[in-house]
Amino acid sequence: MQNTSRKHRFNDVFEIVLYVICGISIIYFGVTGAYGKCFQAGLIIIVLLLFRGLTAWTKSDLPPTLRFWVLIFIAITMMVANLFGMYAFIPHLDKMEHLLSGVILFFTGQFILNKMAKRKGLSGLPANIIIWFSFYFAVAMAGVWEIYEFTSDHLFGLTSQNGSLTDTMFDIICGTTGAIGGVLYLFYKARKDPNSVENVVENK
C-alpha cells in the first residue's frame, strides 16, 4: 500500500512537470511569435485535464503503473514528437509510439474488463477471457485510430497517414505487436498464479 501511494505521488509530480513545461512553452513560443506551437502546448494541457477529469467522472482509480504510461505516452506523442518536432530527429518515432500504444491499450482493456466485472458483482474471471478481451480491445482501438487519421486527412487535408496504405498497416501491426507483448506477459503471470491477472497492473 505504501509503495502504491508513493507511485501515485510520483505520477502527480510528473503530471505537474508536464503542466510547467507546457506553461513555459506557451510563454516562449508566444514571445517568438510561434502561435501554432502555443496552441499545441495549450492542447496538451487540455488533454491532461480531460484525462484527469475522465478518471474522476468515471470514478476510476487507475493503477499507478497504467497512469504513468498514459502520461508518458502523452509526453512522447504530443510534447516530444509534435511540440518540439522530434519526428525529424528520431528515426521511426511514430512506429515506436504505436508500439507503446498497443501495450497501454492492452492493459487499459484489462482494467476496463476487471472494473465492469466488479461493478456487476462478478469475481474470478478466467485469465484467458481477460487476456483475449484485452488483446482484441487493443487491436480494435489501433484500427479505430487509423479510421480517425483517415477521416481527418480527407476532411482537413492533413497527412497523418502520408497518403499510404503501407503506413496505415505498419501502424496497426506495431499496435498489435505491442498488444502481443501484453498477452505474453499476462500468460506468463497466469501460469504462475491464475488469480494474479486481475491485479497484475495494480501490483506493479
N, C-alpha and C. Protein backbone atom coordinates (compact mmCIF):
# COMPACT_ATOMS: atom_id res chain seq x y z
N MET A 1 0.83 -1.21 0.00
CA MET A 1 0.00 0.00 0.00
C MET A 1 0.86 1.26 0.00
N GLN A 2 1.92 1.25 0.82
CA GLN A 2 2.81 2.41 0.88
C GLN A 2 3.53 2.62 -0.44
N ASN A 3 3.93 1.51 -1.09
CA ASN A 3 4.59 1.61 -2.38
C ASN A 3 3.65 2.19 -3.43
N THR A 4 2.38 1.77 -3.40
CA THR A 4 1.38 2.29 -4.33
C THR A 4 1.16 3.78 -4.12
N SER A 5 1.07 4.19 -2.86
CA SER A 5 0.90 5.61 -2.54
C SER A 5 2.08 6.43 -3.05
N ARG A 6 3.28 5.88 -2.92
CA ARG A 6 4.47 6.58 -3.40
C ARG A 6 4.43 6.74 -4.92
N LYS A 7 3.95 5.71 -5.61
CA LYS A 7 3.85 5.77 -7.07
C LYS A 7 2.81 6.81 -7.49
N HIS A 8 1.70 6.89 -6.75
CA HIS A 8 0.68 7.90 -7.05
C HIS A 8 1.27 9.31 -6.89
N ARG A 9 2.04 9.52 -5.86
CA ARG A 9 2.66 10.83 -5.65
C ARG A 9 3.65 11.15 -6.77
N PHE A 10 4.40 10.15 -7.19
CA PHE A 10 5.34 10.35 -8.29
C PHE A 10 4.60 10.77 -9.56
N ASN A 11 3.47 10.10 -9.84
CA ASN A 11 2.67 10.46 -11.01
C ASN A 11 2.14 11.88 -10.91
N ASP A 12 1.71 12.28 -9.71
CA ASP A 12 1.23 13.65 -9.51
C ASP A 12 2.32 14.66 -9.83
N VAL A 13 3.53 14.39 -9.34
CA VAL A 13 4.67 15.29 -9.61
C VAL A 13 4.98 15.31 -11.10
N PHE A 14 4.98 14.14 -11.72
CA PHE A 14 5.27 14.05 -13.15
C PHE A 14 4.25 14.85 -13.96
N GLU A 15 2.98 14.74 -13.59
CA GLU A 15 1.94 15.49 -14.29
C GLU A 15 2.13 16.99 -14.12
N ILE A 16 2.50 17.41 -12.92
CA ILE A 16 2.75 18.84 -12.67
C ILE A 16 3.91 19.34 -13.53
N VAL A 17 4.95 18.50 -13.67
CA VAL A 17 6.10 18.88 -14.51
C VAL A 17 5.65 19.10 -15.96
N LEU A 18 4.75 18.25 -16.44
CA LEU A 18 4.24 18.41 -17.81
C LEU A 18 3.48 19.73 -17.95
N TYR A 19 2.69 20.09 -16.93
CA TYR A 19 1.97 21.37 -16.96
C TYR A 19 2.97 22.53 -17.00
N VAL A 20 4.02 22.43 -16.19
CA VAL A 20 5.02 23.50 -16.13
C VAL A 20 5.72 23.67 -17.47
N ILE A 21 6.11 22.54 -18.08
CA ILE A 21 6.78 22.60 -19.38
C ILE A 21 5.87 23.25 -20.42
N CYS A 22 4.60 22.87 -20.40
CA CYS A 22 3.64 23.46 -21.34
C CYS A 22 3.48 24.95 -21.09
N GLY A 23 3.40 25.35 -19.82
CA GLY A 23 3.27 26.76 -19.50
C GLY A 23 4.46 27.58 -19.98
N ILE A 24 5.66 27.06 -19.74
CA ILE A 24 6.88 27.73 -20.20
C ILE A 24 6.91 27.80 -21.74
N SER A 25 6.46 26.71 -22.37
CA SER A 25 6.45 26.66 -23.84
C SER A 25 5.49 27.70 -24.40
N ILE A 26 4.33 27.87 -23.77
CA ILE A 26 3.37 28.87 -24.25
C ILE A 26 3.98 30.27 -24.19
N ILE A 27 4.66 30.56 -23.09
CA ILE A 27 5.31 31.88 -22.95
C ILE A 27 6.40 32.05 -24.00
N TYR A 28 7.26 31.05 -24.14
CA TYR A 28 8.39 31.15 -25.07
C TYR A 28 7.92 31.29 -26.51
N PHE A 29 7.02 30.40 -26.92
CA PHE A 29 6.56 30.44 -28.31
C PHE A 29 5.69 31.66 -28.57
N GLY A 30 5.02 32.15 -27.51
CA GLY A 30 4.25 33.38 -27.68
C GLY A 30 5.16 34.57 -27.94
N VAL A 31 6.26 34.63 -27.21
CA VAL A 31 7.23 35.73 -27.39
C VAL A 31 7.88 35.67 -28.78
N THR A 32 8.16 34.45 -29.25
CA THR A 32 8.83 34.29 -30.55
C THR A 32 7.85 34.32 -31.72
N GLY A 33 6.56 34.42 -31.42
CA GLY A 33 5.56 34.52 -32.48
C GLY A 33 5.14 33.20 -33.09
N ALA A 34 5.52 32.08 -32.48
CA ALA A 34 5.13 30.76 -32.98
C ALA A 34 3.80 30.36 -32.33
N TYR A 35 2.73 30.98 -32.80
CA TYR A 35 1.43 30.80 -32.14
C TYR A 35 0.86 29.39 -32.35
N GLY A 36 1.26 28.75 -33.43
CA GLY A 36 0.83 27.36 -33.63
C GLY A 36 1.37 26.45 -32.53
N LYS A 37 2.61 26.71 -32.12
CA LYS A 37 3.20 25.95 -31.04
C LYS A 37 2.51 26.26 -29.70
N CYS A 38 2.10 27.51 -29.55
CA CYS A 38 1.34 27.87 -28.34
C CYS A 38 0.05 27.06 -28.25
N PHE A 39 -0.60 26.92 -29.41
CA PHE A 39 -1.84 26.13 -29.45
C PHE A 39 -1.56 24.68 -29.09
N GLN A 40 -0.45 24.12 -29.62
CA GLN A 40 -0.11 22.74 -29.32
C GLN A 40 0.14 22.54 -27.83
N ALA A 41 0.86 23.49 -27.22
CA ALA A 41 1.13 23.39 -25.78
C ALA A 41 -0.16 23.48 -24.97
N GLY A 42 -1.04 24.39 -25.41
CA GLY A 42 -2.34 24.51 -24.73
C GLY A 42 -3.17 23.25 -24.89
N LEU A 43 -3.07 22.62 -26.06
CA LEU A 43 -3.82 21.39 -26.31
C LEU A 43 -3.35 20.26 -25.39
N ILE A 44 -2.05 20.21 -25.11
CA ILE A 44 -1.53 19.20 -24.19
C ILE A 44 -2.14 19.39 -22.80
N ILE A 45 -2.21 20.64 -22.36
CA ILE A 45 -2.82 20.93 -21.05
C ILE A 45 -4.27 20.47 -21.03
N ILE A 46 -5.00 20.75 -22.12
CA ILE A 46 -6.41 20.35 -22.21
C ILE A 46 -6.54 18.83 -22.13
N VAL A 47 -5.66 18.11 -22.87
CA VAL A 47 -5.71 16.64 -22.86
C VAL A 47 -5.42 16.09 -21.47
N LEU A 48 -4.44 16.67 -20.78
CA LEU A 48 -4.12 16.24 -19.41
C LEU A 48 -5.30 16.47 -18.48
N LEU A 49 -5.95 17.61 -18.63
CA LEU A 49 -7.12 17.91 -17.79
C LEU A 49 -8.28 16.99 -18.11
N LEU A 50 -8.48 16.71 -19.41
CA LEU A 50 -9.55 15.79 -19.80
C LEU A 50 -9.30 14.39 -19.27
N PHE A 51 -8.03 13.96 -19.31
CA PHE A 51 -7.67 12.64 -18.78
C PHE A 51 -7.96 12.57 -17.29
N ARG A 52 -7.57 13.60 -16.56
CA ARG A 52 -7.85 13.64 -15.13
C ARG A 52 -9.35 13.72 -14.85
N GLY A 53 -10.04 14.54 -15.64
CA GLY A 53 -11.49 14.68 -15.45
C GLY A 53 -12.25 13.41 -15.77
N LEU A 54 -11.80 12.69 -16.81
CA LEU A 54 -12.48 11.45 -17.20
C LEU A 54 -12.34 10.39 -16.12
N THR A 55 -11.15 10.26 -15.55
CA THR A 55 -10.96 9.27 -14.49
C THR A 55 -11.77 9.63 -13.24
N ALA A 56 -11.90 10.94 -12.97
CA ALA A 56 -12.70 11.37 -11.82
C ALA A 56 -14.19 11.14 -12.08
N TRP A 57 -14.65 11.46 -13.30
CA TRP A 57 -16.05 11.33 -13.65
C TRP A 57 -16.50 9.87 -13.63
N THR A 58 -15.64 8.99 -14.12
CA THR A 58 -15.98 7.56 -14.13
C THR A 58 -15.62 6.86 -12.82
N LYS A 59 -15.06 7.63 -11.88
CA LYS A 59 -14.65 7.10 -10.59
C LYS A 59 -13.70 5.90 -10.77
N SER A 60 -12.76 6.09 -11.70
CA SER A 60 -11.79 5.03 -11.99
C SER A 60 -10.48 5.31 -11.26
N ASP A 61 -10.17 4.46 -10.32
CA ASP A 61 -8.90 4.58 -9.61
C ASP A 61 -7.84 3.85 -10.41
N LEU A 62 -7.26 4.57 -11.38
CA LEU A 62 -6.29 3.93 -12.27
C LEU A 62 -5.09 3.40 -11.49
N PRO A 63 -4.64 2.20 -11.82
CA PRO A 63 -3.39 1.70 -11.23
C PRO A 63 -2.26 2.67 -11.55
N PRO A 64 -1.36 2.92 -10.62
CA PRO A 64 -0.31 3.92 -10.85
C PRO A 64 0.56 3.62 -12.06
N THR A 65 0.84 2.33 -12.32
CA THR A 65 1.66 1.99 -13.48
C THR A 65 0.96 2.35 -14.77
N LEU A 66 -0.34 2.08 -14.87
CA LEU A 66 -1.10 2.41 -16.08
C LEU A 66 -1.17 3.92 -16.27
N ARG A 67 -1.42 4.64 -15.20
CA ARG A 67 -1.47 6.10 -15.29
C ARG A 67 -0.12 6.67 -15.73
N PHE A 68 0.96 6.11 -15.19
CA PHE A 68 2.30 6.58 -15.55
C PHE A 68 2.55 6.43 -17.04
N TRP A 69 2.21 5.28 -17.61
CA TRP A 69 2.48 5.05 -19.02
C TRP A 69 1.57 5.87 -19.91
N VAL A 70 0.36 6.16 -19.45
CA VAL A 70 -0.50 7.07 -20.22
C VAL A 70 0.13 8.47 -20.26
N LEU A 71 0.64 8.92 -19.12
CA LEU A 71 1.31 10.23 -19.07
C LEU A 71 2.56 10.23 -19.95
N ILE A 72 3.31 9.13 -19.92
CA ILE A 72 4.50 9.01 -20.77
C ILE A 72 4.10 9.10 -22.24
N PHE A 73 3.01 8.42 -22.58
CA PHE A 73 2.55 8.41 -23.97
C PHE A 73 2.16 9.82 -24.42
N ILE A 74 1.45 10.54 -23.56
CA ILE A 74 1.07 11.92 -23.88
C ILE A 74 2.32 12.78 -24.05
N ALA A 75 3.29 12.60 -23.16
CA ALA A 75 4.52 13.39 -23.22
C ALA A 75 5.29 13.11 -24.52
N ILE A 76 5.38 11.84 -24.91
CA ILE A 76 6.14 11.49 -26.11
C ILE A 76 5.43 11.96 -27.38
N THR A 77 4.14 11.62 -27.49
CA THR A 77 3.44 11.88 -28.75
C THR A 77 3.12 13.36 -28.94
N MET A 78 2.66 14.03 -27.90
CA MET A 78 2.20 15.40 -28.05
C MET A 78 3.29 16.42 -27.76
N MET A 79 4.19 16.09 -26.83
CA MET A 79 5.20 17.07 -26.44
C MET A 79 6.51 16.86 -27.21
N VAL A 80 7.11 15.70 -27.02
CA VAL A 80 8.41 15.45 -27.66
C VAL A 80 8.29 15.44 -29.18
N ALA A 81 7.31 14.67 -29.69
CA ALA A 81 7.20 14.50 -31.14
C ALA A 81 6.65 15.73 -31.85
N ASN A 82 5.53 16.26 -31.36
CA ASN A 82 4.86 17.36 -32.06
C ASN A 82 5.31 18.74 -31.60
N LEU A 83 5.23 19.01 -30.32
CA LEU A 83 5.57 20.34 -29.83
C LEU A 83 7.02 20.69 -30.10
N PHE A 84 7.92 19.75 -29.83
CA PHE A 84 9.36 20.00 -30.02
C PHE A 84 9.91 19.43 -31.33
N GLY A 85 9.02 18.90 -32.17
CA GLY A 85 9.40 18.49 -33.52
C GLY A 85 10.46 17.41 -33.63
N MET A 86 10.37 16.39 -32.78
CA MET A 86 11.41 15.36 -32.78
C MET A 86 11.20 14.29 -33.84
N TYR A 87 10.07 14.35 -34.57
CA TYR A 87 9.88 13.37 -35.64
C TYR A 87 11.03 13.43 -36.65
N ALA A 88 11.55 14.62 -36.86
CA ALA A 88 12.61 14.80 -37.85
C ALA A 88 13.97 14.32 -37.36
N PHE A 89 14.11 14.08 -36.07
CA PHE A 89 15.41 13.74 -35.50
C PHE A 89 15.49 12.32 -34.93
N ILE A 90 14.34 11.75 -34.57
CA ILE A 90 14.32 10.39 -34.01
C ILE A 90 13.72 9.45 -35.03
N PRO A 91 14.52 8.56 -35.63
CA PRO A 91 14.01 7.64 -36.66
C PRO A 91 12.89 6.74 -36.12
N HIS A 92 11.86 6.58 -36.92
CA HIS A 92 10.77 5.65 -36.62
C HIS A 92 10.07 5.97 -35.29
N LEU A 93 10.08 7.23 -34.89
CA LEU A 93 9.42 7.60 -33.64
C LEU A 93 7.92 7.30 -33.69
N ASP A 94 7.31 7.52 -34.85
CA ASP A 94 5.88 7.24 -35.00
C ASP A 94 5.58 5.77 -34.74
N LYS A 95 6.43 4.89 -35.26
CA LYS A 95 6.19 3.45 -35.08
C LYS A 95 6.40 3.05 -33.61
N MET A 96 7.37 3.68 -32.95
CA MET A 96 7.58 3.40 -31.52
C MET A 96 6.36 3.83 -30.70
N GLU A 97 5.74 4.93 -31.11
CA GLU A 97 4.53 5.40 -30.42
C GLU A 97 3.40 4.39 -30.56
N HIS A 98 3.22 3.86 -31.77
CA HIS A 98 2.16 2.87 -31.99
C HIS A 98 2.45 1.57 -31.24
N LEU A 99 3.72 1.21 -31.16
CA LEU A 99 4.09 0.02 -30.40
C LEU A 99 3.74 0.19 -28.92
N LEU A 100 4.09 1.35 -28.37
CA LEU A 100 3.78 1.65 -26.98
C LEU A 100 2.28 1.73 -26.75
N SER A 101 1.57 2.30 -27.72
CA SER A 101 0.11 2.43 -27.57
C SER A 101 -0.55 1.06 -27.48
N GLY A 102 0.00 0.07 -28.21
CA GLY A 102 -0.56 -1.28 -28.13
C GLY A 102 -0.45 -1.87 -26.74
N VAL A 103 0.68 -1.64 -26.09
CA VAL A 103 0.86 -2.12 -24.71
C VAL A 103 -0.11 -1.42 -23.77
N ILE A 104 -0.18 -0.09 -23.88
CA ILE A 104 -1.05 0.69 -22.99
C ILE A 104 -2.51 0.30 -23.19
N LEU A 105 -2.94 0.17 -24.45
CA LEU A 105 -4.34 -0.19 -24.72
C LEU A 105 -4.65 -1.60 -24.24
N PHE A 106 -3.68 -2.49 -24.29
CA PHE A 106 -3.89 -3.85 -23.78
C PHE A 106 -4.23 -3.80 -22.29
N PHE A 107 -3.43 -3.09 -21.51
CA PHE A 107 -3.68 -3.03 -20.07
C PHE A 107 -4.87 -2.14 -19.73
N THR A 108 -5.20 -1.20 -20.62
CA THR A 108 -6.44 -0.44 -20.45
C THR A 108 -7.64 -1.35 -20.61
N GLY A 109 -7.58 -2.24 -21.61
CA GLY A 109 -8.66 -3.21 -21.79
C GLY A 109 -8.80 -4.12 -20.59
N GLN A 110 -7.68 -4.55 -20.03
CA GLN A 110 -7.71 -5.38 -18.83
C GLN A 110 -8.38 -4.63 -17.67
N PHE A 111 -7.99 -3.36 -17.51
CA PHE A 111 -8.56 -2.56 -16.43
C PHE A 111 -10.07 -2.38 -16.61
N ILE A 112 -10.51 -2.10 -17.85
CA ILE A 112 -11.93 -1.89 -18.12
C ILE A 112 -12.73 -3.15 -17.82
N LEU A 113 -12.24 -4.31 -18.29
CA LEU A 113 -12.96 -5.56 -18.07
C LEU A 113 -13.06 -5.88 -16.58
N ASN A 114 -11.96 -5.74 -15.85
CA ASN A 114 -11.99 -6.00 -14.41
C ASN A 114 -12.94 -5.07 -13.69
N LYS A 115 -12.96 -3.80 -14.13
CA LYS A 115 -13.84 -2.81 -13.50
C LYS A 115 -15.31 -3.15 -13.75
N MET A 116 -15.63 -3.53 -14.99
CA MET A 116 -17.01 -3.90 -15.31
C MET A 116 -17.43 -5.15 -14.54
N ALA A 117 -16.52 -6.11 -14.42
CA ALA A 117 -16.84 -7.34 -13.70
C ALA A 117 -17.13 -7.05 -12.23
N LYS A 118 -16.33 -6.19 -11.63
CA LYS A 118 -16.53 -5.86 -10.22
C LYS A 118 -17.84 -5.10 -10.01
N ARG A 119 -18.20 -4.23 -10.96
CA ARG A 119 -19.46 -3.49 -10.85
C ARG A 119 -20.66 -4.41 -10.92
N LYS A 120 -20.53 -5.52 -11.66
CA LYS A 120 -21.61 -6.49 -11.78
C LYS A 120 -21.55 -7.54 -10.68
N GLY A 121 -20.62 -7.38 -9.77
CA GLY A 121 -20.50 -8.32 -8.67
C GLY A 121 -19.86 -9.63 -9.06
N LEU A 122 -19.18 -9.65 -10.19
CA LEU A 122 -18.51 -10.87 -10.64
C LEU A 122 -17.09 -10.91 -10.09
N SER A 123 -16.59 -12.09 -9.92
CA SER A 123 -15.22 -12.25 -9.45
C SER A 123 -14.65 -13.53 -10.03
N GLY A 124 -13.35 -13.58 -10.10
CA GLY A 124 -12.71 -14.79 -10.58
C GLY A 124 -12.92 -15.07 -12.05
N LEU A 125 -12.90 -14.02 -12.91
CA LEU A 125 -12.98 -14.25 -14.34
C LEU A 125 -11.78 -15.09 -14.79
N PRO A 126 -12.00 -16.04 -15.69
CA PRO A 126 -10.88 -16.84 -16.18
C PRO A 126 -9.81 -15.95 -16.81
N ALA A 127 -8.56 -16.30 -16.57
CA ALA A 127 -7.46 -15.50 -17.09
C ALA A 127 -7.51 -15.39 -18.61
N ASN A 128 -7.92 -16.48 -19.28
CA ASN A 128 -7.97 -16.45 -20.75
C ASN A 128 -8.94 -15.40 -21.27
N ILE A 129 -10.08 -15.26 -20.60
CA ILE A 129 -11.06 -14.27 -21.03
C ILE A 129 -10.49 -12.86 -20.88
N ILE A 130 -9.85 -12.59 -19.75
CA ILE A 130 -9.26 -11.27 -19.52
C ILE A 130 -8.18 -10.97 -20.56
N ILE A 131 -7.34 -11.93 -20.81
CA ILE A 131 -6.21 -11.72 -21.73
C ILE A 131 -6.71 -11.49 -23.16
N TRP A 132 -7.63 -12.34 -23.63
CA TRP A 132 -8.08 -12.20 -25.01
C TRP A 132 -8.95 -10.97 -25.20
N PHE A 133 -9.76 -10.62 -24.21
CA PHE A 133 -10.53 -9.37 -24.32
C PHE A 133 -9.58 -8.18 -24.44
N SER A 134 -8.55 -8.17 -23.60
CA SER A 134 -7.59 -7.06 -23.61
C SER A 134 -6.87 -6.97 -24.96
N PHE A 135 -6.53 -8.13 -25.51
CA PHE A 135 -5.83 -8.15 -26.80
C PHE A 135 -6.72 -7.61 -27.91
N TYR A 136 -7.96 -8.11 -27.99
CA TYR A 136 -8.86 -7.66 -29.05
C TYR A 136 -9.24 -6.19 -28.87
N PHE A 137 -9.33 -5.74 -27.63
CA PHE A 137 -9.61 -4.33 -27.37
C PHE A 137 -8.48 -3.46 -27.93
N ALA A 138 -7.24 -3.86 -27.68
CA ALA A 138 -6.09 -3.08 -28.15
C ALA A 138 -6.03 -3.05 -29.67
N VAL A 139 -6.24 -4.21 -30.31
CA VAL A 139 -6.20 -4.27 -31.77
C VAL A 139 -7.33 -3.44 -32.38
N ALA A 140 -8.52 -3.53 -31.78
CA ALA A 140 -9.66 -2.75 -32.28
C ALA A 140 -9.39 -1.26 -32.17
N MET A 141 -8.81 -0.83 -31.05
CA MET A 141 -8.52 0.59 -30.87
C MET A 141 -7.44 1.08 -31.84
N ALA A 142 -6.50 0.19 -32.19
CA ALA A 142 -5.50 0.54 -33.20
C ALA A 142 -6.18 0.81 -34.54
N GLY A 143 -7.19 0.00 -34.86
CA GLY A 143 -7.95 0.22 -36.09
C GLY A 143 -8.78 1.48 -36.03
N VAL A 144 -9.40 1.74 -34.89
CA VAL A 144 -10.21 2.96 -34.71
C VAL A 144 -9.36 4.21 -34.90
N TRP A 145 -8.13 4.17 -34.37
CA TRP A 145 -7.24 5.32 -34.52
C TRP A 145 -6.91 5.58 -35.99
N GLU A 146 -6.68 4.51 -36.75
CA GLU A 146 -6.40 4.69 -38.17
C GLU A 146 -7.62 5.21 -38.92
N ILE A 147 -8.81 4.83 -38.50
CA ILE A 147 -10.04 5.38 -39.08
C ILE A 147 -10.10 6.88 -38.81
N TYR A 148 -9.74 7.28 -37.58
CA TYR A 148 -9.71 8.71 -37.24
C TYR A 148 -8.71 9.45 -38.12
N GLU A 149 -7.49 8.88 -38.29
CA GLU A 149 -6.48 9.55 -39.10
C GLU A 149 -6.94 9.65 -40.56
N PHE A 150 -7.53 8.58 -41.08
CA PHE A 150 -8.03 8.59 -42.45
C PHE A 150 -9.09 9.67 -42.63
N THR A 151 -10.01 9.75 -41.66
CA THR A 151 -11.10 10.73 -41.75
C THR A 151 -10.57 12.16 -41.67
N SER A 152 -9.69 12.41 -40.71
CA SER A 152 -9.16 13.77 -40.54
C SER A 152 -8.30 14.19 -41.74
N ASP A 153 -7.56 13.24 -42.32
CA ASP A 153 -6.75 13.56 -43.50
C ASP A 153 -7.63 13.99 -44.67
N HIS A 154 -8.74 13.28 -44.87
CA HIS A 154 -9.59 13.57 -46.02
C HIS A 154 -10.48 14.79 -45.79
N LEU A 155 -10.85 15.04 -44.55
CA LEU A 155 -11.71 16.18 -44.27
C LEU A 155 -10.93 17.49 -44.18
N PHE A 156 -9.72 17.43 -43.60
CA PHE A 156 -8.97 18.66 -43.32
C PHE A 156 -7.67 18.76 -44.10
N GLY A 157 -7.44 17.83 -45.01
CA GLY A 157 -6.24 17.90 -45.83
C GLY A 157 -4.96 17.64 -45.08
N LEU A 158 -5.01 16.85 -44.02
CA LEU A 158 -3.82 16.53 -43.24
C LEU A 158 -3.06 15.37 -43.89
N THR A 159 -1.91 15.05 -43.32
CA THR A 159 -1.08 13.97 -43.89
C THR A 159 -0.66 12.96 -42.82
N SER A 160 -1.57 12.66 -41.91
CA SER A 160 -1.25 11.73 -40.81
C SER A 160 -0.83 10.36 -41.33
N GLN A 161 -1.47 9.93 -42.41
CA GLN A 161 -1.19 8.59 -42.95
C GLN A 161 -0.26 8.65 -44.16
N ASN A 162 0.25 9.82 -44.46
CA ASN A 162 1.16 10.01 -45.60
C ASN A 162 0.55 9.51 -46.91
N GLY A 163 -0.78 9.48 -46.95
CA GLY A 163 -1.46 9.01 -48.16
C GLY A 163 -1.09 7.59 -48.55
N SER A 164 -0.70 6.77 -47.56
CA SER A 164 -0.15 5.45 -47.86
C SER A 164 -0.84 4.36 -47.06
N LEU A 165 -1.31 3.33 -47.76
CA LEU A 165 -1.87 2.15 -47.09
C LEU A 165 -0.78 1.44 -46.30
N THR A 166 0.46 1.46 -46.82
CA THR A 166 1.58 0.81 -46.14
C THR A 166 1.81 1.42 -44.77
N ASP A 167 1.76 2.77 -44.68
CA ASP A 167 1.94 3.44 -43.40
C ASP A 167 0.84 3.04 -42.43
N THR A 168 -0.40 2.99 -42.93
CA THR A 168 -1.54 2.61 -42.09
C THR A 168 -1.37 1.19 -41.54
N MET A 169 -1.00 0.27 -42.42
CA MET A 169 -0.88 -1.13 -42.00
C MET A 169 0.29 -1.32 -41.04
N PHE A 170 1.40 -0.63 -41.26
CA PHE A 170 2.52 -0.73 -40.34
C PHE A 170 2.14 -0.21 -38.96
N ASP A 171 1.34 0.86 -38.92
CA ASP A 171 0.89 1.40 -37.63
C ASP A 171 0.04 0.37 -36.88
N ILE A 172 -0.88 -0.28 -37.61
CA ILE A 172 -1.73 -1.29 -36.98
C ILE A 172 -0.90 -2.49 -36.53
N ILE A 173 0.07 -2.88 -37.36
CA ILE A 173 0.95 -4.01 -37.00
C ILE A 173 1.74 -3.68 -35.74
N CYS A 174 2.25 -2.44 -35.64
CA CYS A 174 3.02 -2.04 -34.44
C CYS A 174 2.13 -2.07 -33.21
N GLY A 175 0.90 -1.55 -33.33
CA GLY A 175 -0.02 -1.58 -32.20
C GLY A 175 -0.35 -3.00 -31.79
N THR A 176 -0.55 -3.88 -32.77
CA THR A 176 -0.86 -5.28 -32.49
C THR A 176 0.33 -5.97 -31.83
N THR A 177 1.54 -5.65 -32.30
CA THR A 177 2.75 -6.24 -31.71
C THR A 177 2.89 -5.85 -30.24
N GLY A 178 2.61 -4.58 -29.93
CA GLY A 178 2.63 -4.15 -28.54
C GLY A 178 1.62 -4.91 -27.70
N ALA A 179 0.43 -5.14 -28.26
CA ALA A 179 -0.60 -5.90 -27.55
C ALA A 179 -0.16 -7.34 -27.33
N ILE A 180 0.52 -7.93 -28.33
CA ILE A 180 1.02 -9.30 -28.19
C ILE A 180 2.02 -9.38 -27.03
N GLY A 181 2.82 -8.33 -26.87
CA GLY A 181 3.73 -8.29 -25.72
C GLY A 181 2.97 -8.36 -24.41
N GLY A 182 1.83 -7.65 -24.33
CA GLY A 182 0.99 -7.72 -23.14
C GLY A 182 0.41 -9.10 -22.93
N VAL A 183 0.00 -9.75 -24.03
CA VAL A 183 -0.54 -11.12 -23.95
C VAL A 183 0.50 -12.07 -23.37
N LEU A 184 1.71 -12.01 -23.89
CA LEU A 184 2.76 -12.91 -23.41
C LEU A 184 3.07 -12.68 -21.94
N TYR A 185 3.06 -11.39 -21.55
CA TYR A 185 3.34 -11.06 -20.15
C TYR A 185 2.27 -11.63 -19.22
N LEU A 186 0.99 -11.43 -19.59
CA LEU A 186 -0.09 -11.92 -18.72
C LEU A 186 -0.19 -13.44 -18.74
N PHE A 187 0.09 -14.07 -19.89
CA PHE A 187 0.10 -15.53 -19.91
C PHE A 187 1.18 -16.08 -18.98
N TYR A 188 2.32 -15.40 -18.95
CA TYR A 188 3.39 -15.79 -18.03
C TYR A 188 2.95 -15.64 -16.58
N LYS A 189 2.29 -14.51 -16.27
CA LYS A 189 1.80 -14.29 -14.92
C LYS A 189 0.72 -15.31 -14.55
N ALA A 190 -0.16 -15.62 -15.51
CA ALA A 190 -1.25 -16.56 -15.24
C ALA A 190 -0.74 -17.96 -14.98
N ARG A 191 0.34 -18.35 -15.64
CA ARG A 191 0.90 -19.68 -15.40
C ARG A 191 1.43 -19.80 -13.97
N LYS A 192 1.96 -18.70 -13.43
CA LYS A 192 2.47 -18.72 -12.07
C LYS A 192 1.33 -18.62 -11.05
N ASP A 193 0.34 -17.75 -11.37
CA ASP A 193 -0.79 -17.57 -10.46
C ASP A 193 -1.97 -17.05 -11.27
N PRO A 194 -2.95 -17.91 -11.61
CA PRO A 194 -4.09 -17.50 -12.44
C PRO A 194 -4.85 -16.30 -11.87
N ASN A 195 -4.89 -16.18 -10.55
CA ASN A 195 -5.63 -15.07 -9.94
C ASN A 195 -4.89 -13.73 -10.06
N SER A 196 -3.61 -13.76 -10.40
CA SER A 196 -2.83 -12.52 -10.45
C SER A 196 -3.20 -11.65 -11.64
N VAL A 197 -3.87 -12.22 -12.65
CA VAL A 197 -4.20 -11.47 -13.85
C VAL A 197 -5.15 -10.32 -13.55
N GLU A 198 -6.02 -10.49 -12.56
CA GLU A 198 -6.96 -9.42 -12.22
C GLU A 198 -6.26 -8.23 -11.60
N ASN A 199 -5.11 -8.47 -10.96
CA ASN A 199 -4.47 -7.38 -10.21
C ASN A 199 -3.03 -7.12 -10.64
N VAL A 200 -2.63 -7.67 -11.78
CA VAL A 200 -1.23 -7.57 -12.15
C VAL A 200 -0.80 -6.12 -12.33
N VAL A 201 -1.67 -5.26 -12.87
CA VAL A 201 -1.29 -3.86 -13.08
C VAL A 201 -1.20 -3.14 -11.75
N GLU A 202 -2.17 -3.40 -10.85
CA GLU A 202 -2.15 -2.72 -9.57
C GLU A 202 -0.90 -3.06 -8.77
N ASN A 203 -0.39 -4.28 -8.94
CA ASN A 203 0.73 -4.71 -8.13
C ASN A 203 2.08 -4.26 -8.67
N LYS A 204 2.08 -3.65 -9.85
CA LYS A 204 3.34 -3.23 -10.44
C LYS A 204 3.74 -1.86 -9.93
